[in-house]
Amino acid sequence: MKYHKIEVKTNSNVKPPFYTGSMLRGAFGYTLKQVTCINPSYKCEGCFGADNCLYYEFYEKKNSFHKFRFDIELGAKNYDFSLYLFEEACEKLPYILSALEKLTIQKGIGRDSVKFNNTEIYVDNNLVFKDKKFKSLSFKSKSFENDIFCRNIKLKLLTPIRIKKNNRFLIGNLELEDILRSILQRKNELKGKERLFKLNYDAQYLVPMSNLKTQKLSRYSNRQKKKMSMDGVIGEMVVMNLDKKSYELLKLGEIIGVGKQTVMGLGKIEVENLE
């Protein structure tokens, strides 16, 4: 799994709304289109360049799996955020960075178009943008590797996880196997492989303690002209006697996210080793 992690530090104490994921995705789409569009009509429908357009791939292409996701914090104290790119999207890094520069410094974020003149941008912990100037991008994408293993962990669900099963969202009955299955599905989709609807191995674990709850969220869809629910599950679960394959999947889930609407910052998890 190839990926880049882009971190945007605004160096500002301006407090954002409780949930910023939908807002960031929308604003980023606006500047990404400015950076990439070559069509004089500025319309995607019937565009001659759609097959090679990053904006079209990220925002307009139907029945496709998005190879990026925003990483946010609910109730954050500032507008700092991260953006992950996966597989082929890593090759479009310069376009992504240009759009992020336009977003934070030129256009601004949110209804008030808040701008951040001291923005710093890091790619895989390398500083690439500071003092309104870009530095060299002479490094390759990272590959997911996991050389540690811990049988006992605490799994933290930091932003709402939305997983569908039998055409219904799992709210009050989300289980670890549902999370593992979702990560495996996302992995296969990102790699262009056949989607799996169940685990292809025998997962081993015990969950002696689980403290999960429903987090209510909503966003306004400009396209559908209505407010839409983003409710999902957050909280923690202690997992004991975990097998190595499941541990590796959960560590991958820290990068690629879990469930639906990960492009808007949902499905963020963290694995804490207990031994």
C-alpha atoms as a PDB file:
ATOM      1  CA  MET A   1       0.000   0.000   0.000  1.00  0.00           C
ATOM      2  CA  LYS A   2       1.612   3.252  -1.162  1.00  0.00           C
ATOM      3  CA  TYR A   3       0.614   6.450   0.600  1.00  0.00           C
ATOM      4  CA  HIS A   4       1.535  10.020   1.492  1.00  0.00           C
ATOM      5  CA  LYS A   5       0.489  11.758   4.680  1.00  0.00           C
ATOM      6  CA  ILE A   6       0.204  15.512   4.212  1.00  0.00           C
ATOM      7  CA  GLU A   7      -0.023  17.597   7.387  1.00  0.00           C
ATOM      8  CA  VAL A   8      -1.257  21.180   7.246  1.00  0.00           C
ATOM      9  CA  LYS A   9      -0.324  23.355  10.216  1.00  0.00           C
ATOM     10  CA  THR A  10      -2.032  26.740  10.237  1.00  0.00           C
ATOM     11  CA  ASN A  11      -0.060  28.151  13.196  1.00  0.00           C
ATOM     12  CA  SER A  12      -3.216  29.875  14.323  1.00  0.00           C
ATOM     13  CA  ASN A  13      -5.505  29.660  17.348  1.00  0.00           C
ATOM     14  CA  VAL A  14      -8.665  30.392  15.366  1.00  0.00           C
ATOM     15  CA  LYS A  15     -11.210  27.881  16.621  1.00  0.00           C
ATOM     16  CA  PRO A  16     -13.130  25.960  13.936  1.00  0.00           C
ATOM     17  CA  PRO A  17     -16.577  24.338  14.121  1.00  0.00           C
ATOM     18  CA  PHE A  18     -16.868  21.054  16.023  1.00  0.00           C
ATOM     19  CA  TYR A  19     -16.775  19.057  12.784  1.00  0.00           C
ATOM     20  CA  THR A  20     -14.636  20.318   9.884  1.00  0.00           C
ATOM     21  CA  GLY A  21     -14.434  17.296   7.562  1.00  0.00           C
ATOM     22  CA  SER A  22     -17.245  18.130   5.143  1.00  0.00           C
ATOM     23  CA  MET A  23     -16.213  21.783   5.003  1.00  0.00           C
ATOM     24  CA  LEU A  24     -12.580  20.905   4.241  1.00  0.00           C
ATOM     25  CA  ARG A  25     -13.531  18.429   1.536  1.00  0.00           C
ATOM     26  CA  GLY A  26     -15.767  20.984  -0.175  1.00  0.00           C
ATOM     27  CA  ALA A  27     -13.268  23.839  -0.002  1.00  0.00           C
ATOM     28  CA  PHE A  28     -10.432  21.609  -1.172  1.00  0.00           C
ATOM     29  CA  GLY A  29     -12.511  20.485  -4.146  1.00  0.00           C
ATOM     30  CA  TYR A  30     -13.004  24.114  -5.173  1.00  0.00           C
ATOM     31  CA  THR A  31      -9.260  24.888  -5.211  1.00  0.00           C
ATOM     32  CA  LEU A  32      -8.344  21.519  -6.722  1.00  0.00           C
ATOM     33  CA  LYS A  33     -10.598  22.285  -9.674  1.00  0.00           C
ATOM     34  CA  GLN A  34      -8.908  25.661 -10.073  1.00  0.00           C
ATOM     35  CA  VAL A  35      -5.520  23.953 -10.185  1.00  0.00           C
ATOM     36  CA  THR A  36      -6.401  21.094 -12.541  1.00  0.00           C
ATOM     37  CA  CYS A  37      -9.235  22.188 -14.874  1.00  0.00           C
ATOM     38  CA  ILE A  38      -8.239  22.781 -18.515  1.00  0.00           C
ATOM     39  CA  ASN A  39     -11.759  23.000 -19.936  1.00  0.00           C
ATOM     40  CA  PRO A  40     -12.717  26.559 -21.019  1.00  0.00           C
ATOM     41  CA  SER A  41     -16.338  25.833 -20.052  1.00  0.00           C
ATOM     42  CA  TYR A  42     -15.226  24.769 -16.558  1.00  0.00           C
ATOM     43  CA  LYS A  43     -17.855  22.011 -16.694  1.00  0.00           C
ATOM     44  CA  CYS A  44     -17.155  18.344 -15.993  1.00  0.00           C
ATOM     45  CA  GLU A  45     -20.079  16.894 -17.963  1.00  0.00           C
ATOM     46  CA  GLY A  46     -18.815  15.789 -21.362  1.00  0.00           C
ATOM     47  CA  CYS A  47     -15.355  17.204 -20.708  1.00  0.00           C
ATOM     48  CA  PHE A  48     -12.654  16.038 -23.142  1.00  0.00           C
ATOM     49  CA  GLY A  49     -10.092  15.814 -20.335  1.00  0.00           C
ATOM     50  CA  ALA A  50     -12.174  13.972 -17.720  1.00  0.00           C
ATOM     51  CA  ASP A  51     -10.267  10.679 -17.987  1.00  0.00           C
ATOM     52  CA  ASN A  52      -7.034  12.409 -16.957  1.00  0.00           C
ATOM     53  CA  CYS A  53      -8.434  14.955 -14.490  1.00  0.00           C
ATOM     54  CA  LEU A  54      -7.623  14.618 -10.802  1.00  0.00           C
ATOM     55  CA  TYR A  55     -10.604  16.751  -9.756  1.00  0.00           C
ATOM     56  CA  TYR A  56     -12.969  14.595 -11.810  1.00  0.00           C
ATOM     57  CA  GLU A  57     -11.472  11.445 -10.283  1.00  0.00           C
ATOM     58  CA  PHE A  58     -11.767  12.770  -6.723  1.00  0.00           C
ATOM     59  CA  TYR A  59     -15.172  14.459  -6.936  1.00  0.00           C
ATOM     60  CA  GLU A  60     -17.246  13.692 -10.008  1.00  0.00           C
ATOM     61  CA  LYS A  61     -16.489  10.151 -11.208  1.00  0.00           C
ATOM     62  CA  LYS A  62     -19.377   7.790 -10.488  1.00  0.00           C
ATOM     63  CA  ASN A  63     -19.023   4.355  -8.871  1.00  0.00           C
ATOM     64  CA  SER A  64     -15.374   4.887  -8.009  1.00  0.00           C
ATOM     65  CA  PHE A  65     -13.394   4.453  -4.816  1.00  0.00           C
ATOM     66  CA  HIS A  66     -11.747   7.674  -3.645  1.00  0.00           C
ATOM     67  CA  LYS A  67      -8.008   7.349  -3.060  1.00  0.00           C
ATOM     68  CA  PHE A  68      -7.716  10.106  -0.485  1.00  0.00           C
ATOM     69  CA  ARG A  69      -9.110  10.968   2.903  1.00  0.00           C
ATOM     70  CA  PHE A  70      -9.040  13.898   5.307  1.00  0.00           C
ATOM     71  CA  ASP A  71      -7.805  13.276   8.842  1.00  0.00           C
ATOM     72  CA  ILE A  72      -9.399  15.587  11.402  1.00  0.00           C
ATOM     73  CA  GLU A  73     -10.090  15.949  15.113  1.00  0.00           C
ATOM     74  CA  LEU A  74     -13.596  16.524  16.448  1.00  0.00           C
ATOM     75  CA  GLY A  75     -13.775  19.677  18.548  1.00  0.00           C
ATOM     76  CA  ALA A  76     -10.261  20.742  17.564  1.00  0.00           C
ATOM     77  CA  LYS A  77      -8.782  23.964  18.939  1.00  0.00           C
ATOM     78  CA  ASN A  78      -7.454  25.083  15.543  1.00  0.00           C
ATOM     79  CA  TYR A  79      -7.822  24.400  11.819  1.00  0.00           C
ATOM     80  CA  ASP A  80      -4.862  22.004  11.526  1.00  0.00           C
ATOM     81  CA  PHE A  81      -5.642  18.858   9.531  1.00  0.00           C
ATOM     82  CA  SER A  82      -4.051  16.051   7.534  1.00  0.00           C
ATOM     83  CA  LEU A  83      -4.744  14.554   4.127  1.00  0.00           C
ATOM     84  CA  TYR A  84      -3.820  11.030   3.050  1.00  0.00           C
ATOM     85  CA  LEU A  85      -3.196  10.015  -0.568  1.00  0.00           C
ATOM     86  CA  PHE A  86      -3.234   6.363  -1.634  1.00  0.00           C
ATOM     87  CA  GLU A  87      -1.741   4.368  -4.496  1.00  0.00           C
ATOM     88  CA  GLU A  88      -1.903   6.193  -7.884  1.00  0.00           C
ATOM     89  CA  ALA A  89      -3.061   9.427  -6.219  1.00  0.00           C
ATOM     90  CA  CYS A  90       0.426   9.753  -4.712  1.00  0.00           C
ATOM     91  CA  GLU A  91       1.732  10.579  -8.182  1.00  0.00           C
ATOM     92  CA  LYS A  92      -0.430  13.727  -8.199  1.00  0.00           C
ATOM     93  CA  LEU A  93       1.205  15.207  -5.096  1.00  0.00           C
ATOM     94  CA  PRO A  94       2.223  18.568  -6.685  1.00  0.00           C
ATOM     95  CA  TYR A  95      -1.383  19.289  -7.716  1.00  0.00           C
ATOM     96  CA  ILE A  96      -2.617  18.407  -4.226  1.00  0.00           C
ATOM     97  CA  LEU A  97      -0.078  20.676  -2.550  1.00  0.00           C
ATOM     98  CA  SER A  98      -0.877  23.564  -4.876  1.00  0.00           C
ATOM     99  CA  ALA A  99      -4.585  23.192  -4.067  1.00  0.00           C
ATOM    100  CA  LEU A 100      -3.848  23.139  -0.320  1.00  0.00           C
ATOM    101  CA  GLU A 101      -1.784  26.319  -0.622  1.00  0.00           C
ATOM    102  CA  LYS A 102      -4.660  28.033  -2.436  1.00  0.00           C
ATOM    103  CA  LEU A 103      -7.118  26.710   0.139  1.00  0.00           C
ATOM    104  CA  THR A 104      -5.327  27.948   3.253  1.00  0.00           C
ATOM    105  CA  ILE A 105      -3.683  31.164   2.044  1.00  0.00           C
ATOM    106  CA  GLN A 106      -5.670  32.486  -0.933  1.00  0.00           C
ATOM    107  CA  LYS A 107      -9.284  31.251  -0.723  1.00  0.00           C
ATOM    108  CA  GLY A 108      -9.694  30.510   2.972  1.00  0.00           C
ATOM    109  CA  ILE A 109     -11.773  27.945   4.833  1.00  0.00           C
ATOM    110  CA  GLY A 110     -15.407  28.036   5.903  1.00  0.00           C
ATOM    111  CA  ARG A 111     -18.194  30.573   5.499  1.00  0.00           C
ATOM    112  CA  ASP A 112     -15.926  33.357   6.722  1.00  0.00           C
ATOM    113  CA  SER A 113     -13.099  32.321   4.349  1.00  0.00           C
ATOM    114  CA  VAL A 114     -10.568  32.200   7.186  1.00  0.00           C
ATOM    115  CA  LYS A 115      -7.034  32.491   5.750  1.00  0.00           C
ATOM    116  CA  PHE A 116      -3.738  31.430   7.320  1.00  0.00           C
ATOM    117  CA  ASN A 117      -0.671  33.332   6.105  1.00  0.00           C
ATOM    118  CA  ASN A 118       1.728  31.307   8.288  1.00  0.00           C
ATOM    119  CA  THR A 119       0.692  27.916   6.933  1.00  0.00           C
ATOM    120  CA  GLU A 120       3.262  25.121   6.986  1.00  0.00           C
ATOM    121  CA  ILE A 121       2.807  21.907   5.000  1.00  0.00           C
ATOM    122  CA  TYR A 122       4.595  18.626   5.699  1.00  0.00           C
ATOM    123  CA  VAL A 123       4.687  15.509   3.541  1.00  0.00           C
ATOM    124  CA  ASP A 124       5.631  12.331   5.408  1.00  0.00           C
ATOM    125  CA  ASN A 125       7.178  14.532   8.135  1.00  0.00           C
ATOM    126  CA  ASN A 126       9.219  16.540   5.593  1.00  0.00           C
ATOM    127  CA  LEU A 127       8.641  20.298   5.570  1.00  0.00           C
ATOM    128  CA  VAL A 128       7.721  21.278   1.990  1.00  0.00           C
ATOM    129  CA  PHE A 129       5.977  24.645   2.390  1.00  0.00           C
ATOM    130  CA  LYS A 130       6.813  27.587   4.655  1.00  0.00           C
ATOM    131  CA  ASP A 131       6.848  31.379   4.374  1.00  0.00           C
ATOM    132  CA  LYS A 132       4.578  31.063   1.308  1.00  0.00           C
ATOM    133  CA  LYS A 133       7.239  29.116  -0.597  1.00  0.00           C
ATOM    134  CA  PHE A 134       7.511  25.470  -1.643  1.00  0.00           C
ATOM    135  CA  LYS A 135      10.659  23.435  -1.102  1.00  0.00           C
ATOM    136  CA  SER A 136      11.958  20.380  -2.937  1.00  0.00           C
ATOM    137  CA  LEU A 137       9.678  17.347  -3.310  1.00  0.00           C
ATOM    138  CA  SER A 138      12.487  14.878  -3.976  1.00  0.00           C
ATOM    139  CA  PHE A 139      11.174  11.899  -2.015  1.00  0.00           C
ATOM    140  CA  LYS A 140       9.053   8.861  -2.747  1.00  0.00           C
ATOM    141  CA  SER A 141       5.735   7.736  -1.321  1.00  0.00           C
ATOM    142  CA  LYS A 142       5.728   5.534   1.747  1.00  0.00           C
ATOM    143  CA  SER A 143       4.744   1.872   1.817  1.00  0.00           C
ATOM    144  CA  PHE A 144       2.724   0.444   4.666  1.00  0.00           C
ATOM    145  CA  GLU A 145       4.867  -1.845   6.784  1.00  0.00           C
ATOM    146  CA  ASN A 146       4.258  -3.208  10.251  1.00  0.00           C
ATOM    147  CA  ASP A 147       7.111  -4.832  12.131  1.00  0.00           C
ATOM    148  CA  ILE A 148       5.541  -4.877  15.600  1.00  0.00           C
ATOM    149  CA  PHE A 149       2.845  -7.015  17.146  1.00  0.00           C
ATOM    150  CA  CYS A 150       0.867  -6.750  20.362  1.00  0.00           C
ATOM    151  CA  ARG A 151      -1.825  -9.205  21.420  1.00  0.00           C
ATOM    152  CA  ASN A 152      -3.530  -6.855  23.875  1.00  0.00           C
ATOM    153  CA  ILE A 153      -4.647  -3.424  22.678  1.00  0.00           C
ATOM    154  CA  LYS A 154      -7.074  -0.591  23.242  1.00  0.00           C
ATOM    155  CA  LEU A 155      -8.830   0.380  20.010  1.00  0.00           C
ATOM    156  CA  LYS A 156      -9.922   4.020  19.922  1.00  0.00           C
ATOM    157  CA  LEU A 157     -12.672   5.134  17.532  1.00  0.00           C
ATOM    158  CA  LEU A 158     -11.882   8.857  17.305  1.00  0.00           C
ATOM    159  CA  THR A 159     -14.333  10.048  14.644  1.00  0.00           C
ATOM    160  CA  PRO A 160     -17.685   8.404  13.849  1.00  0.00           C
ATOM    161  CA  ILE A 161     -17.493   5.022  12.142  1.00  0.00           C
ATOM    162  CA  ARG A 162     -20.312   4.351   9.694  1.00  0.00           C
ATOM    163  CA  ILE A 163     -20.489   0.727   8.550  1.00  0.00           C
ATOM    164  CA  LYS A 164     -23.422  -0.756   6.697  1.00  0.00           C
ATOM    165  CA  LYS A 165     -24.517  -4.358   7.129  1.00  0.00           C
ATOM    166  CA  ASN A 166     -27.657  -5.783   5.547  1.00  0.00           C
ATOM    167  CA  ASN A 167     -28.434  -2.271   4.255  1.00  0.00           C
ATOM    168  CA  ARG A 168     -28.458  -0.792   7.755  1.00  0.00           C
ATOM    169  CA  PHE A 169     -25.855   1.251   9.606  1.00  0.00           C
ATOM    170  CA  LEU A 170     -24.397  -0.524  12.622  1.00  0.00           C
ATOM    171  CA  ILE A 171     -24.928   1.919  15.472  1.00  0.00           C
ATOM    172  CA  GLY A 172     -25.741   0.056  18.658  1.00  0.00           C
ATOM    173  CA  ASN A 173     -24.228  -3.286  17.642  1.00  0.00           C
ATOM    174  CA  LEU A 174     -20.861  -2.510  16.036  1.00  0.00           C
ATOM    175  CA  GLU A 175     -18.365  -5.337  16.625  1.00  0.00           C
ATOM    176  CA  LEU A 176     -14.641  -5.739  16.066  1.00  0.00           C
ATOM    177  CA  GLU A 177     -15.197  -8.127  13.159  1.00  0.00           C
ATOM    178  CA  ASP A 178     -17.225  -5.434  11.383  1.00  0.00           C
ATOM    179  CA  ILE A 179     -14.264  -3.055  11.706  1.00  0.00           C
ATOM    180  CA  LEU A 180     -11.771  -5.654  10.486  1.00  0.00           C
ATOM    181  CA  ARG A 181     -13.976  -6.525   7.523  1.00  0.00           C
ATOM    182  CA  SER A 182     -14.335  -2.866   6.575  1.00  0.00           C
ATOM    183  CA  ILE A 183     -10.566  -2.313   6.619  1.00  0.00           C
ATOM    184  CA  LEU A 184     -10.002  -5.400   4.476  1.00  0.00           C
ATOM    185  CA  GLN A 185     -12.630  -4.181   1.992  1.00  0.00           C
ATOM    186  CA  ARG A 186     -11.002  -0.749   1.795  1.00  0.00           C
ATOM    187  CA  LYS A 187      -7.577  -2.294   1.307  1.00  0.00           C
ATOM    188  CA  ASN A 188      -8.779  -4.412  -1.611  1.00  0.00           C
ATOM    189  CA  GLU A 189     -10.649  -1.510  -3.204  1.00  0.00           C
ATOM    190  CA  LEU A 190      -7.617   0.765  -2.961  1.00  0.00           C
ATOM    191  CA  LYS A 191      -5.498  -1.953  -4.581  1.00  0.00           C
ATOM    192  CA  GLY A 192      -8.074  -2.496  -7.341  1.00  0.00           C
ATOM    193  CA  LYS A 193      -8.904  -6.010  -6.156  1.00  0.00           C
ATOM    194  CA  GLU A 194     -12.244  -7.758  -5.775  1.00  0.00           C
ATOM    195  CA  ARG A 195     -14.305  -6.500  -2.858  1.00  0.00           C
ATOM    196  CA  LEU A 196     -14.686  -8.946   0.033  1.00  0.00           C
ATOM    197  CA  PHE A 197     -17.828  -9.139   2.153  1.00  0.00           C
ATOM    198  CA  LYS A 198     -16.346 -11.302   4.892  1.00  0.00           C
ATOM    199  CA  LEU A 199     -12.931 -11.952   6.402  1.00  0.00           C
ATOM    200  CA  ASN A 200     -10.758 -14.349   4.423  1.00  0.00           C
ATOM    201  CA  TYR A 201      -9.028 -15.695   7.522  1.00  0.00           C
ATOM    202  CA  ASP A 202      -9.936 -16.916  11.018  1.00  0.00           C
ATOM    203  CA  ALA A 203      -9.695 -13.906  13.314  1.00  0.00           C
ATOM    204  CA  GLN A 204      -8.856 -14.610  16.975  1.00  0.00           C
ATOM    205  CA  TYR A 205      -9.606 -12.172  19.801  1.00  0.00           C
ATOM    206  CA  LEU A 206     -11.570 -11.415  22.956  1.00  0.00           C
ATOM    207  CA  VAL A 207     -13.279  -8.116  23.741  1.00  0.00           C
ATOM    208  CA  PRO A 208     -13.642  -7.992  27.549  1.00  0.00           C
ATOM    209  CA  MET A 209     -14.571  -4.311  27.653  1.00  0.00           C
ATOM    210  CA  SER A 210     -16.290  -2.013  25.183  1.00  0.00           C
ATOM    211  CA  ASN A 211     -17.401   1.560  25.689  1.00  0.00           C
ATOM    212  CA  LEU A 212     -19.036   2.702  22.461  1.00  0.00           C
ATOM    213  CA  LYS A 213     -21.651   5.370  21.856  1.00  0.00           C
ATOM    214  CA  THR A 214     -23.400   7.126  19.020  1.00  0.00           C
ATOM    215  CA  GLN A 215     -21.952  10.458  17.938  1.00  0.00           C
ATOM    216  CA  LYS A 216     -24.490  12.588  16.131  1.00  0.00           C
ATOM    217  CA  LEU A 217     -23.182  14.650  13.224  1.00  0.00           C
ATOM    218  CA  SER A 218     -24.743  16.264  10.173  1.00  0.00           C
ATOM    219  CA  ARG A 219     -23.614  18.167   7.112  1.00  0.00           C
ATOM    220  CA  TYR A 220     -25.356  20.275   4.526  1.00  0.00           C
ATOM    221  CA  SER A 221     -25.159  18.953   0.979  1.00  0.00           C
ATOM    222  CA  ASN A 222     -25.015  21.776  -1.583  1.00  0.00           C
ATOM    223  CA  ARG A 223     -25.653  19.242  -4.326  1.00  0.00           C
ATOM    224  CA  GLN A 224     -28.797  17.785  -2.738  1.00  0.00           C
ATOM    225  CA  LYS A 225     -29.801  21.040  -1.004  1.00  0.00           C
ATOM    226  CA  LYS A 226     -30.512  19.415   2.343  1.00  0.00           C
ATOM    227  CA  LYS A 227     -28.985  18.451   5.659  1.00  0.00           C
ATOM    228  CA  MET A 228     -27.652  14.883   5.807  1.00  0.00           C
ATOM    229  CA  SER A 229     -26.943  12.667   8.797  1.00  0.00           C
ATOM    230  CA  MET A 230     -23.346  11.650   9.529  1.00  0.00           C
ATOM    231  CA  ASP A 231     -24.118   9.779  12.760  1.00  0.00           C
ATOM    232  CA  GLY A 232     -21.699   7.012  13.669  1.00  0.00           C
ATOM    233  CA  VAL A 233     -19.967   5.140  16.477  1.00  0.00           C
ATOM    234  CA  ILE A 234     -17.106   6.473  18.596  1.00  0.00           C
ATOM    235  CA  GLY A 235     -15.502   5.231  21.806  1.00  0.00           C
ATOM    236  CA  GLU A 236     -13.057   2.537  22.882  1.00  0.00           C
ATOM    237  CA  MET A 237     -12.802  -1.216  23.128  1.00  0.00           C
ATOM    238  CA  VAL A 238     -10.187  -3.356  24.858  1.00  0.00           C
ATOM    239  CA  VAL A 239      -9.107  -6.331  22.745  1.00  0.00           C
ATOM    240  CA  MET A 240      -7.164  -9.277  24.213  1.00  0.00           C
ATOM    241  CA  ASN A 241      -5.408 -12.266  22.644  1.00  0.00           C
ATOM    242  CA  LEU A 242      -5.529 -10.651  19.210  1.00  0.00           C
ATOM    243  CA  ASP A 243      -4.039 -12.543  16.270  1.00  0.00           C
ATOM    244  CA  LYS A 244      -1.237 -10.990  14.197  1.00  0.00           C
ATOM    245  CA  LYS A 245      -3.245 -10.634  10.980  1.00  0.00           C
ATOM    246  CA  SER A 246      -5.991  -8.687  12.746  1.00  0.00           C
ATOM    247  CA  TYR A 247      -3.428  -6.476  14.468  1.00  0.00           C
ATOM    248  CA  GLU A 248      -1.864  -5.638  11.099  1.00  0.00           C
ATOM    249  CA  LEU A 249      -5.283  -4.811   9.639  1.00  0.00           C
ATOM    250  CA  LEU A 250      -6.040  -2.444  12.521  1.00  0.00           C
ATOM    251  CA  LYS A 251      -2.683  -0.713  12.062  1.00  0.00           C
ATOM    252  CA  LEU A 252      -3.486  -0.319   8.355  1.00  0.00           C
ATOM    253  CA  GLY A 253      -6.868   1.078   9.398  1.00  0.00           C
ATOM    254  CA  GLU A 254      -5.055   3.903  11.196  1.00  0.00           C
ATOM    255  CA  ILE A 255      -3.907   5.023   7.733  1.00  0.00           C
ATOM    256  CA  ILE A 256      -6.772   4.218   5.358  1.00  0.00           C
ATOM    257  CA  GLY A 257      -9.706   4.693   7.765  1.00  0.00           C
ATOM    258  CA  VAL A 258     -12.798   2.584   8.459  1.00  0.00           C
ATOM    259  CA  GLY A 259     -16.289   2.599   6.984  1.00  0.00           C
ATOM    260  CA  LYS A 260     -18.036   5.237   4.903  1.00  0.00           C
ATOM    261  CA  GLN A 261     -17.300   8.961   4.394  1.00  0.00           C
ATOM    262  CA  THR A 262     -13.619   8.640   5.285  1.00  0.00           C
ATOM    263  CA  VAL A 263     -12.924  11.349   2.680  1.00  0.00           C
ATOM    264  CA  MET A 264     -14.689  13.713   5.104  1.00  0.00           C
ATOM    265  CA  GLY A 265     -12.664  12.648   8.118  1.00  0.00           C
ATOM    266  CA  LEU A 266     -14.912   9.890   9.476  1.00  0.00           C
ATOM    267  CA  GLY A 267     -13.668   6.430  10.463  1.00  0.00           C
ATOM    268  CA  LYS A 268     -10.480   7.536  12.212  1.00  0.00           C
ATOM    269  CA  ILE A 269      -9.055   4.907  14.584  1.00  0.00           C
ATOM    270  CA  GLU A 270      -5.987   4.570  16.783  1.00  0.00           C
ATOM    271  CA  VAL A 271      -4.364   1.411  18.183  1.00  0.00           C
ATOM    272  CA  GLU A 272      -2.826   1.673  21.666  1.00  0.00           C
ATOM    273  CA  ASN A 273      -0.655  -1.250  22.728  1.00  0.00           C
ATOM    274  CA  LEU A 274      -1.296  -2.446  26.278  1.00  0.00           C
ATOM    275  CA  GLU A 275       1.876  -4.454  26.803  1.00  0.00           C
END
